[in-house]
Amino acid sequence: MKTGVCEVVCVHEEDVKYVQQNLPDLKGMTLIFKALADDTRLKISYALTLQNELCVCDVAAIIQSSTATASHHLRYLKDIALAKSEKRGKLVYYRLADHHVGQLVKIAFEHAKEGEEHEST
């Protein structure tokens, strides 16, 4: 007996048809989760939930990298509309694009923390 696998084939045609007809194009979601699946970009995104905006130099210090590396990751987040930037004098500041991005990051953190707590009990 395999766990996690149906023991008989029983397709619920109405459910399958309903879901297939209502599935949206998921390409945008895929890009978001792909971007946040990178440890460095997730760390940057989480940092931007703690501090409303950070300059590239601050981000580089937080992730312990060069400013070029930090800038590369920040541009990636900006290119897929997860972050916004603003140049002020000689500094470029980044912030999350909107509250939804922050919510995704915070919800993922809470879920992971609950999973860790569950594993330790």
C-alpha atoms as a PDB file:
ATOM      1  CA  MET A   1       0.000   0.000   0.000  1.00  0.00           C
ATOM      2  CA  LYS A   2       1.472   3.323  -1.101  1.00  0.00           C
ATOM      3  CA  THR A   3       0.742   6.355   1.004  1.00  0.00           C
ATOM      4  CA  GLY A   4      -0.308   9.540  -0.753  1.00  0.00           C
ATOM      5  CA  VAL A   5      -1.591   7.681  -3.816  1.00  0.00           C
ATOM      6  CA  CYS A   6      -5.193   6.686  -4.593  1.00  0.00           C
ATOM      7  CA  GLU A   7      -5.630   2.951  -4.488  1.00  0.00           C
ATOM      8  CA  VAL A   8      -8.139   3.072  -7.372  1.00  0.00           C
ATOM      9  CA  VAL A   9      -8.557   5.437 -10.308  1.00  0.00           C
ATOM     10  CA  CYS A  10     -11.628   7.584  -9.749  1.00  0.00           C
ATOM     11  CA  VAL A  11     -11.678  10.879 -11.660  1.00  0.00           C
ATOM     12  CA  HIS A  12     -14.338  13.344 -10.501  1.00  0.00           C
ATOM     13  CA  GLU A  13     -15.155  14.696 -13.955  1.00  0.00           C
ATOM     14  CA  GLU A  14     -17.223  17.705 -12.813  1.00  0.00           C
ATOM     15  CA  ASP A  15     -14.531  18.869 -10.397  1.00  0.00           C
ATOM     16  CA  VAL A  16     -11.801  18.450 -12.997  1.00  0.00           C
ATOM     17  CA  LYS A  17     -13.795  20.296 -15.663  1.00  0.00           C
ATOM     18  CA  TYR A  18     -14.634  23.161 -13.272  1.00  0.00           C
ATOM     19  CA  VAL A  19     -11.009  23.627 -12.243  1.00  0.00           C
ATOM     20  CA  GLN A  20      -9.701  23.409 -15.810  1.00  0.00           C
ATOM     21  CA  GLN A  21     -12.187  26.056 -16.947  1.00  0.00           C
ATOM     22  CA  ASN A  22     -11.318  28.388 -14.072  1.00  0.00           C
ATOM     23  CA  LEU A  23      -7.537  28.115 -13.959  1.00  0.00           C
ATOM     24  CA  PRO A  24      -6.037  31.496 -14.888  1.00  0.00           C
ATOM     25  CA  ASP A  25      -2.745  32.017 -16.700  1.00  0.00           C
ATOM     26  CA  LEU A  26      -0.189  31.386 -13.946  1.00  0.00           C
ATOM     27  CA  LYS A  27       2.923  32.812 -15.660  1.00  0.00           C
ATOM     28  CA  GLY A  28       2.950  35.962 -13.526  1.00  0.00           C
ATOM     29  CA  MET A  29       2.623  33.946 -10.335  1.00  0.00           C
ATOM     30  CA  THR A  30       5.385  31.628 -11.464  1.00  0.00           C
ATOM     31  CA  LEU A  31       7.734  34.596 -11.924  1.00  0.00           C
ATOM     32  CA  ILE A  32       6.934  35.899  -8.437  1.00  0.00           C
ATOM     33  CA  PHE A  33       7.552  32.581  -6.707  1.00  0.00           C
ATOM     34  CA  LYS A  34      10.652  31.919  -8.810  1.00  0.00           C
ATOM     35  CA  ALA A  35      12.078  35.280  -7.726  1.00  0.00           C
ATOM     36  CA  LEU A  36      11.300  34.657  -4.069  1.00  0.00           C
ATOM     37  CA  ALA A  37      12.682  31.108  -4.228  1.00  0.00           C
ATOM     38  CA  ASP A  38      16.182  32.596  -4.354  1.00  0.00           C
ATOM     39  CA  ASP A  39      17.618  32.933  -0.817  1.00  0.00           C
ATOM     40  CA  THR A  40      19.235  36.303  -1.494  1.00  0.00           C
ATOM     41  CA  ARG A  41      16.171  37.880  -3.113  1.00  0.00           C
ATOM     42  CA  LEU A  42      13.948  36.513  -0.351  1.00  0.00           C
ATOM     43  CA  LYS A  43      16.301  37.958   2.266  1.00  0.00           C
ATOM     44  CA  ILE A  44      16.193  41.334   0.489  1.00  0.00           C
ATOM     45  CA  SER A  45      12.392  41.206   0.253  1.00  0.00           C
ATOM     46  CA  TYR A  46      12.093  40.317   3.919  1.00  0.00           C
ATOM     47  CA  ALA A  47      14.479  43.134   4.830  1.00  0.00           C
ATOM     48  CA  LEU A  48      12.179  45.500   2.934  1.00  0.00           C
ATOM     49  CA  THR A  49       9.268  44.368   5.110  1.00  0.00           C
ATOM     50  CA  LEU A  50      11.283  45.416   8.157  1.00  0.00           C
ATOM     51  CA  GLN A  51      12.494  48.715   6.727  1.00  0.00           C
ATOM     52  CA  ASN A  52      10.219  50.547   4.281  1.00  0.00           C
ATOM     53  CA  GLU A  53      13.100  51.421   1.986  1.00  0.00           C
ATOM     54  CA  LEU A  54      16.826  50.741   1.791  1.00  0.00           C
ATOM     55  CA  CYS A  55      19.565  52.058  -0.450  1.00  0.00           C
ATOM     56  CA  VAL A  56      21.634  49.632  -2.510  1.00  0.00           C
ATOM     57  CA  CYS A  57      24.593  50.041  -0.120  1.00  0.00           C
ATOM     58  CA  ASP A  58      22.404  49.091   2.861  1.00  0.00           C
ATOM     59  CA  VAL A  59      21.120  46.023   1.044  1.00  0.00           C
ATOM     60  CA  ALA A  60      24.665  44.992   0.125  1.00  0.00           C
ATOM     61  CA  ALA A  61      25.649  45.221   3.804  1.00  0.00           C
ATOM     62  CA  ILE A  62      22.582  43.224   4.875  1.00  0.00           C
ATOM     63  CA  ILE A  63      23.224  40.391   2.423  1.00  0.00           C
ATOM     64  CA  GLN A  64      26.997  40.685   2.866  1.00  0.00           C
ATOM     65  CA  SER A  65      27.752  41.150  -0.809  1.00  0.00           C
ATOM     66  CA  SER A  66      29.102  43.733  -3.198  1.00  0.00           C
ATOM     67  CA  THR A  67      26.903  46.621  -4.266  1.00  0.00           C
ATOM     68  CA  ALA A  68      26.975  45.157  -7.784  1.00  0.00           C
ATOM     69  CA  THR A  69      25.465  41.887  -6.546  1.00  0.00           C
ATOM     70  CA  ALA A  70      22.869  43.676  -4.443  1.00  0.00           C
ATOM     71  CA  SER A  71      22.004  45.932  -7.377  1.00  0.00           C
ATOM     72  CA  HIS A  72      21.619  42.900  -9.662  1.00  0.00           C
ATOM     73  CA  HIS A  73      19.117  41.248  -7.283  1.00  0.00           C
ATOM     74  CA  LEU A  74      17.242  44.508  -6.701  1.00  0.00           C
ATOM     75  CA  ARG A  75      16.946  45.136 -10.453  1.00  0.00           C
ATOM     76  CA  TYR A  76      15.594  41.600 -10.876  1.00  0.00           C
ATOM     77  CA  LEU A  77      12.927  42.286  -8.227  1.00  0.00           C
ATOM     78  CA  LYS A  78      12.115  45.588  -9.920  1.00  0.00           C
ATOM     79  CA  ASP A  79      11.940  44.030 -13.401  1.00  0.00           C
ATOM     80  CA  ILE A  80       9.200  41.643 -12.297  1.00  0.00           C
ATOM     81  CA  ALA A  81       7.355  44.395 -10.390  1.00  0.00           C
ATOM     82  CA  LEU A  82       8.129  43.194  -6.860  1.00  0.00           C
ATOM     83  CA  ALA A  83      10.145  46.309  -6.009  1.00  0.00           C
ATOM     84  CA  LYS A  84      10.336  49.983  -6.948  1.00  0.00           C
ATOM     85  CA  SER A  85      13.309  52.294  -6.925  1.00  0.00           C
ATOM     86  CA  GLU A  86      13.945  55.997  -6.564  1.00  0.00           C
ATOM     87  CA  LYS A  87      17.188  57.850  -7.144  1.00  0.00           C
ATOM     88  CA  ARG A  88      17.964  60.578  -4.621  1.00  0.00           C
ATOM     89  CA  GLY A  89      21.169  62.387  -5.357  1.00  0.00           C
ATOM     90  CA  LYS A  90      23.858  59.753  -5.709  1.00  0.00           C
ATOM     91  CA  LEU A  91      21.897  57.017  -3.904  1.00  0.00           C
ATOM     92  CA  VAL A  92      19.233  54.638  -5.202  1.00  0.00           C
ATOM     93  CA  TYR A  93      16.587  53.518  -2.722  1.00  0.00           C
ATOM     94  CA  TYR A  94      14.414  50.444  -3.135  1.00  0.00           C
ATOM     95  CA  ARG A  95      11.113  49.488  -1.548  1.00  0.00           C
ATOM     96  CA  LEU A  96       8.584  46.732  -2.127  1.00  0.00           C
ATOM     97  CA  ALA A  97       6.206  47.488  -4.979  1.00  0.00           C
ATOM     98  CA  ASP A  98       3.091  47.283  -2.790  1.00  0.00           C
ATOM     99  CA  HIS A  99       1.662  45.736   0.351  1.00  0.00           C
ATOM    100  CA  HIS A 100       0.839  42.470  -1.456  1.00  0.00           C
ATOM    101  CA  VAL A 101       4.519  41.657  -1.877  1.00  0.00           C
ATOM    102  CA  GLY A 102       5.121  42.240   1.819  1.00  0.00           C
ATOM    103  CA  GLN A 103       2.142  40.058   2.671  1.00  0.00           C
ATOM    104  CA  LEU A 104       3.480  37.186   0.537  1.00  0.00           C
ATOM    105  CA  VAL A 105       6.841  37.348   2.274  1.00  0.00           C
ATOM    106  CA  LYS A 106       5.352  37.622   5.760  1.00  0.00           C
ATOM    107  CA  ILE A 107       2.841  34.833   5.160  1.00  0.00           C
ATOM    108  CA  ALA A 108       5.598  32.558   3.854  1.00  0.00           C
ATOM    109  CA  PHE A 109       7.677  33.340   6.954  1.00  0.00           C
ATOM    110  CA  GLU A 110       4.769  32.602   9.308  1.00  0.00           C
ATOM    111  CA  HIS A 111       3.973  29.362   7.496  1.00  0.00           C
ATOM    112  CA  ALA A 112       7.601  28.214   7.658  1.00  0.00           C
ATOM    113  CA  LYS A 113       7.778  29.099  11.351  1.00  0.00           C
ATOM    114  CA  GLU A 114       4.600  27.093  12.043  1.00  0.00           C
ATOM    115  CA  GLY A 115       6.102  24.152  10.159  1.00  0.00           C
ATOM    116  CA  GLU A 116       9.242  24.310  12.280  1.00  0.00           C
ATOM    117  CA  GLU A 117       7.171  24.463  15.469  1.00  0.00           C
ATOM    118  CA  HIS A 118       5.083  21.504  14.310  1.00  0.00           C
ATOM    119  CA  GLU A 119       8.204  19.457  13.549  1.00  0.00           C
ATOM    120  CA  SER A 120       9.662  20.106  17.001  1.00  0.00           C
ATOM    121  CA  THR A 121       6.545  18.784  18.808  1.00  0.00           C
END
